[in-house]
Amino acid sequence: MRIILILILALSISEINAQMDVITLSNPSFEDSPRKGGEVNGIKGWYDCGIINFPEESAPDIHPQDFWENTKQASHGKTYLGMVVRDNESWESVSQRMSSPMKAGQCYSFSMELSRSAKYMSGSRYALENFDDKSQNYSYTTPTVVRIWGGSGYCNTKELLAETVPVKHSEWKTYPFKLSPSFNHKVITIEAYYKVPVLLPYNGHILIDNCSEITEINCSDEIVAQVEEPKTKIPPHKRFKKKKKKVKEEKVADNVVVASTVTPKSKVMNLDRSKLKKDQTIEIKNLYFNSDASAISSNSYDVLNEIYYFLNENDDITVEIGGHTNSTPTHDYCDKLSEERAKEVAVYLVEKGIKGDRIFYRGYGKRKSIASNLSAKGRKKNQRVEIKILSIGQKSIHIPAH
């Protein structure tokens, strides 16, 4: 009888374990012949998404072989994957069909090891097209993030399942993820991407090794992670609440700026009230964002102070700050990026002392291009922040819902 009970118990445990599916990946540790991207097509078990997205660019790298001045050794096995983001608005990703699909409504655990090299030097296609020095190598060490996508086919980015924080450390660290798909996914895509929002693309890289199996878990299970789950989309139109009384002293620390009594050093916008009319839009010139953060670069303060003083002297003008992007990334990415840019400008002006009910902000994404996206010059023009005159000569307005 005791033996029978033990057998029944063992079968019950096996049945419970069998119900928790394990999805496997082919070559999860990126074991292959070390090489620079483009020297040999393909990576064992993985599909290079650059063939689809950016056919003129090289493929991801297999390390280590001391190229790009990267000397880091693998964390697991003999080799690992290196992927970059570039200043010409291209980035790298790899994709593969999983052993079985991820199911909508089911939760999964997944992990990978990530790191960054202290040096990662390479050429820049953007520099080749825009500058005279054709031989110079550029640093690709700006921190990037890793995004995990689910989809139905190779490189299909139907659903963003997870996103890391910017990877700044030079040692290997394990990043665990909790994946909660809303759709069935046959394919997983691992993508290097910019830390957003950022006004202009930059050169950066990420090193990836030792991906785990994708294992079913209870959705109530907690996973302690160094990652950020995709954030809920911010509503497209925001209105600031009234801020506290401004301070009189300017202080710039950690990219936080408070009010100043200093007059603008230059006239970039040359805003003239007599030439303004309702619904007019004006592009903000000389506005820059830090490449690895959403904060506004300090060399943008002159033009923002000029806008502040104009609005301060004309307290019957209400404006909308509108952010715009080019057409390269996805709509979700463009909407988020353009809104965060616009918000940063609005925050600056409100913190300087403009009343919150006079400043609105909105991200238009890539819906309102003003130039062709077929050239780097045109794409740069489309990445802009504008001021729109919502009202002039009246104290309050009604803003329709968007």
Protein backbone atom coordinates (compact mmCIF):
# COMPACT_ATOMS: atom_id res chain seq x y z
CA MET A 1 0.00 0.00 0.00
CA ARG A 2 2.81 2.41 0.92
CA ILE A 3 4.52 1.78 -2.44
CA ILE A 4 1.26 2.45 -4.29
CA LEU A 5 0.78 5.76 -2.44
CA ILE A 6 4.34 6.83 -3.29
CA LEU A 7 3.77 6.02 -6.95
CA ILE A 8 0.49 7.96 -6.99
CA LEU A 9 2.21 10.96 -5.35
CA ALA A 10 5.10 10.84 -7.81
CA LEU A 11 2.71 10.68 -10.77
CA SER A 12 0.73 13.64 -9.38
CA ILE A 13 3.89 15.74 -9.02
CA SER A 14 4.97 14.82 -12.55
CA GLU A 15 1.54 15.78 -13.89
CA ILE A 16 1.71 19.17 -12.15
CA ASN A 17 5.19 19.82 -13.52
CA ALA A 18 4.12 18.77 -16.98
CA GLN A 19 1.41 21.43 -16.95
CA MET A 20 4.08 24.14 -16.56
CA ASP A 21 5.45 24.43 -20.08
CA VAL A 22 9.09 25.26 -20.73
CA ILE A 23 9.92 27.06 -23.98
CA THR A 24 13.45 26.57 -25.26
CA LEU A 25 15.60 28.73 -27.52
CA SER A 26 18.13 27.59 -30.07
CA ASN A 27 21.70 28.65 -29.18
CA PRO A 28 20.66 30.79 -26.18
CA SER A 29 24.30 31.56 -25.33
CA PHE A 30 25.22 32.79 -28.84
CA GLU A 31 27.94 30.19 -29.39
CA ASP A 32 29.48 30.77 -32.82
CA SER A 33 32.73 31.72 -34.54
CA PRO A 34 33.93 35.12 -33.25
CA ARG A 35 33.62 37.75 -35.99
CA LYS A 36 32.70 41.29 -36.83
CA GLY A 37 29.17 41.73 -38.09
CA GLY A 38 29.00 41.26 -41.84
CA GLU A 39 32.01 38.94 -42.17
CA VAL A 40 29.71 35.90 -42.16
CA ASN A 41 25.97 36.07 -42.65
CA GLY A 42 23.76 34.87 -39.83
CA ILE A 43 24.21 33.74 -36.24
CA LYS A 44 23.55 30.10 -35.34
CA GLY A 45 19.93 29.77 -34.26
CA TRP A 46 19.14 33.48 -34.73
CA TYR A 47 17.88 35.66 -37.58
CA ASP A 48 19.52 39.07 -38.10
CA CYS A 49 16.66 41.62 -38.21
CA GLY A 50 18.94 44.17 -39.84
CA ILE A 51 18.42 42.32 -43.12
CA ILE A 52 14.81 43.51 -42.96
CA ASN A 53 15.08 46.80 -41.09
CA PHE A 54 18.43 48.24 -42.18
CA PRO A 55 19.84 46.24 -45.11
CA GLU A 56 22.74 48.67 -45.65
CA GLU A 57 24.09 48.08 -42.13
CA SER A 58 26.30 45.26 -40.87
CA ALA A 59 25.05 42.41 -38.69
CA PRO A 60 25.57 42.06 -34.90
CA ASP A 61 28.99 40.91 -33.69
CA ILE A 62 30.10 37.66 -32.10
CA HIS A 63 32.74 38.28 -29.38
CA PRO A 64 35.40 37.95 -28.08
CA GLN A 65 38.15 38.56 -30.61
CA ASP A 66 39.47 41.96 -29.45
CA PHE A 67 37.81 43.93 -32.24
CA TRP A 68 36.19 47.35 -31.60
CA GLU A 69 38.70 47.48 -28.68
CA ASN A 70 36.39 45.21 -26.67
CA THR A 71 38.35 42.63 -24.66
CA LYS A 72 35.60 41.27 -22.39
CA GLN A 73 35.43 37.49 -22.02
CA ALA A 74 32.21 35.50 -22.22
CA SER A 75 30.18 34.90 -19.09
CA HIS A 76 28.91 31.54 -20.33
CA GLY A 77 30.45 29.31 -22.96
CA LYS A 78 33.04 30.72 -25.36
CA THR A 79 31.24 33.57 -27.18
CA TYR A 80 28.50 36.16 -26.76
CA LEU A 81 26.48 38.66 -28.79
CA GLY A 82 27.29 42.36 -29.27
CA MET A 83 24.66 44.73 -30.69
CA VAL A 84 24.77 48.48 -31.33
CA VAL A 85 22.53 51.51 -31.78
CA ARG A 86 23.80 54.11 -34.25
CA ASP A 87 23.69 57.85 -34.76
CA ASN A 88 22.04 57.39 -38.17
CA GLU A 89 18.81 56.10 -36.59
CA SER A 90 19.50 52.41 -37.04
CA TRP A 91 19.83 49.70 -34.42
CA GLU A 92 20.38 45.95 -34.20
CA SER A 93 18.15 43.06 -33.17
CA VAL A 94 17.98 39.29 -33.52
CA SER A 95 14.98 37.00 -33.66
CA GLN A 96 14.02 33.32 -33.60
CA ARG A 97 11.00 31.03 -33.54
CA MET A 98 10.53 29.53 -30.07
CA SER A 99 10.12 25.80 -29.47
CA SER A 100 6.47 26.47 -28.63
CA PRO A 101 4.39 29.67 -28.56
CA MET A 102 3.95 32.00 -25.61
CA LYS A 103 0.25 32.04 -24.78
CA ALA A 104 -1.87 35.12 -24.16
CA GLY A 105 -2.79 35.56 -20.51
CA GLN A 106 -0.02 33.23 -19.30
CA CYS A 107 3.04 34.61 -17.47
CA TYR A 108 6.63 33.50 -18.02
CA SER A 109 10.03 33.92 -16.43
CA PHE A 110 13.05 34.66 -18.61
CA SER A 111 16.56 35.99 -18.03
CA MET A 112 19.77 36.97 -19.81
CA GLU A 113 23.19 38.25 -18.81
CA LEU A 114 24.06 41.80 -19.89
CA SER A 115 27.15 43.96 -19.80
CA ARG A 116 28.90 46.87 -21.51
CA SER A 117 32.52 47.29 -22.62
CA ALA A 118 34.57 50.26 -21.46
CA LYS A 119 35.65 50.70 -25.09
CA TYR A 120 33.73 50.03 -28.28
CA MET A 121 35.14 51.97 -31.24
CA SER A 122 33.77 51.83 -34.76
CA GLY A 123 33.01 53.91 -37.83
CA SER A 124 29.86 56.00 -38.27
CA ARG A 125 27.82 55.97 -41.47
CA TYR A 126 26.23 59.25 -40.41
CA ALA A 127 29.69 60.81 -40.07
CA LEU A 128 30.74 59.43 -43.46
CA GLU A 129 27.75 61.10 -45.08
CA ASN A 130 28.01 64.41 -43.27
CA PHE A 131 31.67 65.10 -42.35
CA ASP A 132 34.98 65.30 -44.18
CA ASP A 133 36.99 62.96 -41.96
CA LYS A 134 36.21 59.51 -43.37
CA SER A 135 38.70 57.52 -41.32
CA GLN A 136 37.86 58.47 -37.73
CA ASN A 137 36.36 55.88 -35.41
CA TYR A 138 33.71 56.88 -32.91
CA SER A 139 32.89 55.67 -29.43
CA TYR A 140 29.84 53.43 -29.10
CA THR A 141 29.82 53.40 -25.30
CA THR A 142 26.65 55.41 -24.55
CA PRO A 143 24.37 53.16 -22.42
CA THR A 144 21.55 51.45 -24.27
CA VAL A 145 18.58 49.34 -23.26
CA VAL A 146 17.43 45.88 -24.31
CA ARG A 147 13.88 45.36 -25.48
CA ILE A 148 12.13 42.00 -25.73
CA TRP A 149 9.36 41.71 -28.32
CA GLY A 150 6.83 39.03 -29.12
CA GLY A 151 5.44 38.50 -32.60
CA SER A 152 4.11 36.11 -35.23
CA GLY A 153 7.08 36.15 -37.62
CA TYR A 154 10.79 36.88 -37.65
CA CYS A 155 11.52 40.38 -36.32
CA ASN A 156 7.80 41.13 -35.90
CA THR A 157 7.41 43.61 -33.02
CA LYS A 158 3.75 43.12 -32.24
CA GLU A 159 4.07 43.45 -28.45
CA LEU A 160 6.78 44.90 -26.22
CA LEU A 161 7.13 42.38 -23.41
CA ALA A 162 9.97 43.93 -21.37
CA GLU A 163 12.60 46.67 -21.42
CA THR A 164 15.71 47.04 -19.30
CA VAL A 165 17.09 50.16 -17.73
CA PRO A 166 20.17 51.58 -19.52
CA VAL A 167 23.04 49.14 -18.99
CA LYS A 168 25.99 51.09 -17.56
CA HIS A 169 27.98 48.39 -15.73
CA SER A 170 31.04 46.64 -17.17
CA GLU A 171 30.60 43.34 -15.32
CA TRP A 172 28.15 40.62 -16.33
CA LYS A 173 24.82 40.82 -14.48
CA THR A 174 21.74 38.63 -14.75
CA TYR A 175 18.55 40.46 -15.75
CA PRO A 176 15.41 38.48 -14.90
CA PHE A 177 12.13 39.29 -16.66
CA LYS A 178 8.48 38.54 -16.09
CA LEU A 179 6.78 38.29 -19.49
CA SER A 180 3.00 38.74 -19.58
CA PRO A 181 1.88 38.52 -23.23
CA SER A 182 -1.54 39.81 -24.25
CA PHE A 183 -1.33 37.87 -27.52
CA ASN A 184 -0.05 34.48 -28.64
CA HIS A 185 3.55 34.80 -29.87
CA LYS A 186 5.54 32.31 -31.94
CA VAL A 187 8.69 34.42 -32.25
CA ILE A 188 10.87 36.32 -29.79
CA THR A 189 12.99 39.30 -30.81
CA ILE A 190 15.82 40.76 -28.70
CA GLU A 191 16.62 44.34 -29.61
CA ALA A 192 19.25 46.93 -28.66
CA TYR A 193 17.64 50.35 -28.43
CA TYR A 194 18.17 53.94 -27.34
CA LYS A 195 17.38 55.11 -23.85
CA VAL A 196 14.32 57.24 -24.62
CA PRO A 197 13.27 59.95 -24.88
CA VAL A 198 16.22 61.41 -26.76
CA LEU A 199 16.18 64.14 -29.39
CA LEU A 200 18.90 62.70 -31.63
CA PRO A 201 20.10 59.09 -32.03
CA TYR A 202 23.50 58.20 -30.59
CA ASN A 203 26.17 55.50 -30.81
CA GLY A 204 25.94 52.83 -28.11
CA HIS A 205 26.24 49.09 -27.58
CA ILE A 206 25.09 46.16 -25.44
CA LEU A 207 26.65 42.73 -24.77
CA ILE A 208 24.33 39.73 -24.28
CA ASP A 209 25.03 36.18 -23.09
CA ASN A 210 23.36 33.12 -21.55
CA CYS A 211 19.64 33.53 -22.25
CA SER A 212 17.51 31.19 -20.17
CA GLU A 213 14.58 28.98 -21.04
CA ILE A 214 11.19 30.69 -21.02
CA THR A 215 9.25 29.05 -18.22
CA GLU A 216 5.57 29.29 -17.31
CA ILE A 217 4.95 30.83 -13.89
CA ASN A 218 1.92 31.90 -11.94
CA CYS A 219 1.07 35.51 -12.76
CA SER A 220 1.00 36.24 -9.03
CA ASP A 221 4.68 35.33 -8.72
CA GLU A 222 7.00 38.27 -8.17
CA ILE A 223 10.34 38.57 -9.94
CA VAL A 224 12.95 40.91 -8.51
CA ALA A 225 14.53 42.50 -11.56
CA GLN A 226 16.83 45.26 -12.75
CA VAL A 227 14.36 45.98 -15.51
CA GLU A 228 11.45 48.25 -16.27
CA GLU A 229 8.18 46.79 -17.49
CA PRO A 230 6.76 48.75 -20.43
CA LYS A 231 5.01 51.81 -19.03
CA THR A 232 1.34 52.55 -19.60
CA LYS A 233 0.99 54.97 -22.48
CA ILE A 234 0.70 58.57 -21.30
CA PRO A 235 -2.44 60.39 -22.49
CA PRO A 236 -1.58 62.51 -25.55
CA HIS A 237 -2.53 65.89 -24.07
CA LYS A 238 -1.56 67.21 -20.66
CA ARG A 239 -2.25 70.33 -18.69
CA PHE A 240 -0.04 71.54 -15.90
CA LYS A 241 -1.41 72.30 -12.48
CA LYS A 242 -0.47 75.60 -10.91
CA LYS A 243 3.02 75.50 -9.45
CA LYS A 244 4.34 76.98 -6.26
CA LYS A 245 5.90 80.43 -6.25
CA LYS A 246 9.16 80.43 -8.19
CA VAL A 247 12.54 80.91 -6.61
CA LYS A 248 14.82 83.75 -7.69
CA GLU A 249 18.15 81.98 -7.91
CA GLU A 250 19.19 79.78 -10.78
CA LYS A 251 20.71 76.41 -9.97
CA VAL A 252 21.72 73.78 -12.45
CA ALA A 253 22.39 70.39 -10.89
CA ASP A 254 21.60 66.95 -12.25
CA ASN A 255 19.91 68.67 -15.19
CA VAL A 256 17.33 70.35 -12.90
CA VAL A 257 16.84 74.03 -13.58
CA VAL A 258 14.91 76.47 -11.41
CA ALA A 259 13.97 80.06 -12.10
CA SER A 260 16.47 82.71 -13.05
CA THR A 261 16.50 86.47 -13.23
CA VAL A 262 19.22 86.52 -15.89
CA THR A 263 18.15 87.97 -19.25
CA PRO A 264 18.63 85.91 -22.40
CA LYS A 265 22.10 86.09 -23.90
CA SER A 266 20.88 85.97 -27.50
CA LYS A 267 17.80 86.25 -29.68
CA VAL A 268 17.21 82.95 -31.44
CA MET A 269 13.46 82.97 -31.88
CA ASN A 270 12.91 86.74 -32.28
CA LEU A 271 9.32 86.37 -31.11
CA ASP A 272 7.24 89.40 -32.10
CA ARG A 273 3.76 89.66 -30.65
CA SER A 274 2.54 91.84 -33.52
CA LYS A 275 3.34 89.05 -35.99
CA LEU A 276 1.71 86.22 -34.05
CA LYS A 277 -1.79 84.88 -34.58
CA LYS A 278 -3.94 82.10 -33.16
CA ASP A 279 -3.01 78.54 -34.27
CA GLN A 280 0.38 79.67 -35.60
CA THR A 281 3.26 77.24 -35.02
CA ILE A 282 6.91 78.21 -34.57
CA GLU A 283 9.78 75.73 -34.43
CA ILE A 284 12.08 76.05 -31.41
CA LYS A 285 15.58 76.44 -32.81
CA ASN A 286 18.81 75.42 -31.04
CA LEU A 287 17.00 72.97 -28.76
CA TYR A 288 18.97 69.85 -27.77
CA PHE A 289 18.44 66.90 -25.44
CA ASN A 290 21.20 64.96 -23.69
CA SER A 291 21.94 61.84 -25.69
CA ASP A 292 21.48 59.43 -22.79
CA ALA A 293 18.66 61.14 -20.90
CA SER A 294 15.40 62.98 -21.41
CA ALA A 295 16.81 66.11 -19.76
CA ILE A 296 17.40 69.18 -21.90
CA SER A 297 21.04 69.92 -22.69
CA SER A 298 22.46 73.05 -21.08
CA ASN A 299 23.21 74.62 -24.47
CA SER A 300 19.44 74.91 -24.98
CA TYR A 301 18.91 77.30 -22.06
CA ASP A 302 19.38 80.48 -24.12
CA VAL A 303 16.47 79.78 -26.44
CA LEU A 304 14.26 78.48 -23.62
CA ASN A 305 14.98 81.56 -21.51
CA GLU A 306 14.07 83.69 -24.51
CA ILE A 307 10.69 81.92 -24.74
CA TYR A 308 10.21 82.27 -21.00
CA TYR A 309 10.78 86.03 -21.04
CA PHE A 310 8.45 86.47 -23.98
CA LEU A 311 5.65 84.54 -22.26
CA ASN A 312 6.34 86.31 -18.98
CA GLU A 313 5.93 89.71 -20.67
CA ASN A 314 2.81 88.59 -22.58
CA ASP A 315 0.68 86.93 -19.91
CA ASP A 316 -2.41 86.76 -22.18
CA ILE A 317 -0.78 84.22 -24.52
CA THR A 318 -1.41 80.50 -24.05
CA VAL A 319 0.71 77.97 -25.93
CA GLU A 320 1.00 74.31 -26.71
CA ILE A 321 4.43 72.67 -26.84
CA GLY A 322 4.33 70.02 -29.57
CA GLY A 323 6.93 67.29 -30.07
CA HIS A 324 7.54 65.59 -33.43
CA THR A 325 9.73 62.70 -34.66
CA ASN A 326 10.74 61.21 -37.97
CA SER A 327 9.12 58.10 -39.43
CA THR A 328 11.78 55.47 -38.69
CA PRO A 329 10.64 53.98 -35.33
CA THR A 330 7.24 52.52 -34.43
CA HIS A 331 4.23 54.71 -33.67
CA ASP A 332 4.30 53.79 -29.97
CA TYR A 333 7.95 54.77 -29.68
CA CYS A 334 7.45 58.01 -31.64
CA ASP A 335 4.41 59.01 -29.58
CA LYS A 336 6.27 58.48 -26.32
CA LEU A 337 9.46 60.17 -27.47
CA SER A 338 7.75 63.24 -28.92
CA GLU A 339 5.59 63.69 -25.83
CA GLU A 340 8.53 63.44 -23.45
CA ARG A 341 10.44 66.07 -25.43
CA ALA A 342 7.47 68.42 -25.36
CA LYS A 343 6.95 67.78 -21.66
CA GLU A 344 10.58 68.63 -20.83
CA VAL A 345 10.19 72.04 -22.50
CA ALA A 346 6.89 72.67 -20.73
CA VAL A 347 8.36 71.69 -17.35
CA TYR A 348 11.27 74.06 -17.87
CA LEU A 349 8.98 77.01 -18.61
CA VAL A 350 6.66 76.26 -15.70
CA GLU A 351 9.57 75.89 -13.28
CA LYS A 352 10.85 79.25 -14.50
CA GLY A 353 7.54 80.80 -13.44
CA ILE A 354 5.01 80.62 -16.29
CA LYS A 355 1.61 79.61 -14.91
CA GLY A 356 0.70 76.01 -15.54
CA ASP A 357 -2.68 76.84 -17.07
CA ARG A 358 -0.91 78.68 -19.91
CA ILE A 359 1.27 75.75 -20.96
CA PHE A 360 0.03 72.60 -22.68
CA TYR A 361 2.12 69.83 -24.23
CA ARG A 362 1.45 67.11 -26.74
CA GLY A 363 3.38 64.47 -28.65
CA TYR A 364 2.43 64.14 -32.31
CA GLY A 365 4.84 61.31 -33.05
CA LYS A 366 5.59 60.95 -36.75
CA ARG A 367 2.21 62.13 -38.01
CA LYS A 368 3.20 65.65 -39.11
CA SER A 369 6.40 65.45 -41.15
CA ILE A 370 7.68 68.66 -42.75
CA ALA A 371 10.41 67.02 -44.88
CA SER A 372 11.17 63.74 -46.61
CA ASN A 373 12.26 60.90 -44.33
CA LEU A 374 14.35 59.37 -47.11
CA SER A 375 17.43 61.41 -46.18
CA ALA A 376 19.26 62.02 -42.89
CA LYS A 377 18.77 65.76 -43.40
CA GLY A 378 15.02 65.36 -43.84
CA ARG A 379 14.70 63.06 -40.83
CA LYS A 380 16.60 65.56 -38.70
CA LYS A 381 14.17 68.33 -39.75
CA ASN A 382 11.22 66.17 -38.73
CA GLN A 383 12.65 65.68 -35.24
CA ARG A 384 11.59 69.01 -33.78
CA VAL A 385 9.70 70.76 -31.00
CA GLU A 386 7.27 73.56 -31.84
CA ILE A 387 5.27 76.25 -30.08
CA LYS A 388 1.64 76.63 -31.15
CA ILE A 389 -0.28 79.78 -30.20
CA LEU A 390 -3.53 78.55 -28.66
CA SER A 391 -4.80 81.97 -27.65
CA ILE A 392 -3.60 85.55 -27.75
CA GLY A 393 -5.31 88.53 -26.13
CA GLN A 394 -7.47 86.53 -23.74
CA LYS A 395 -6.86 85.16 -20.25
CA SER A 396 -8.31 81.68 -20.58
CA ILE A 397 -9.31 79.26 -23.30
CA HIS A 398 -11.17 75.99 -23.66
CA ILE A 399 -9.05 73.12 -24.95
CA PRO A 400 -11.08 70.36 -26.63
CA ALA A 401 -10.30 66.79 -25.62
CA HIS A 402 -7.89 64.90 -27.87
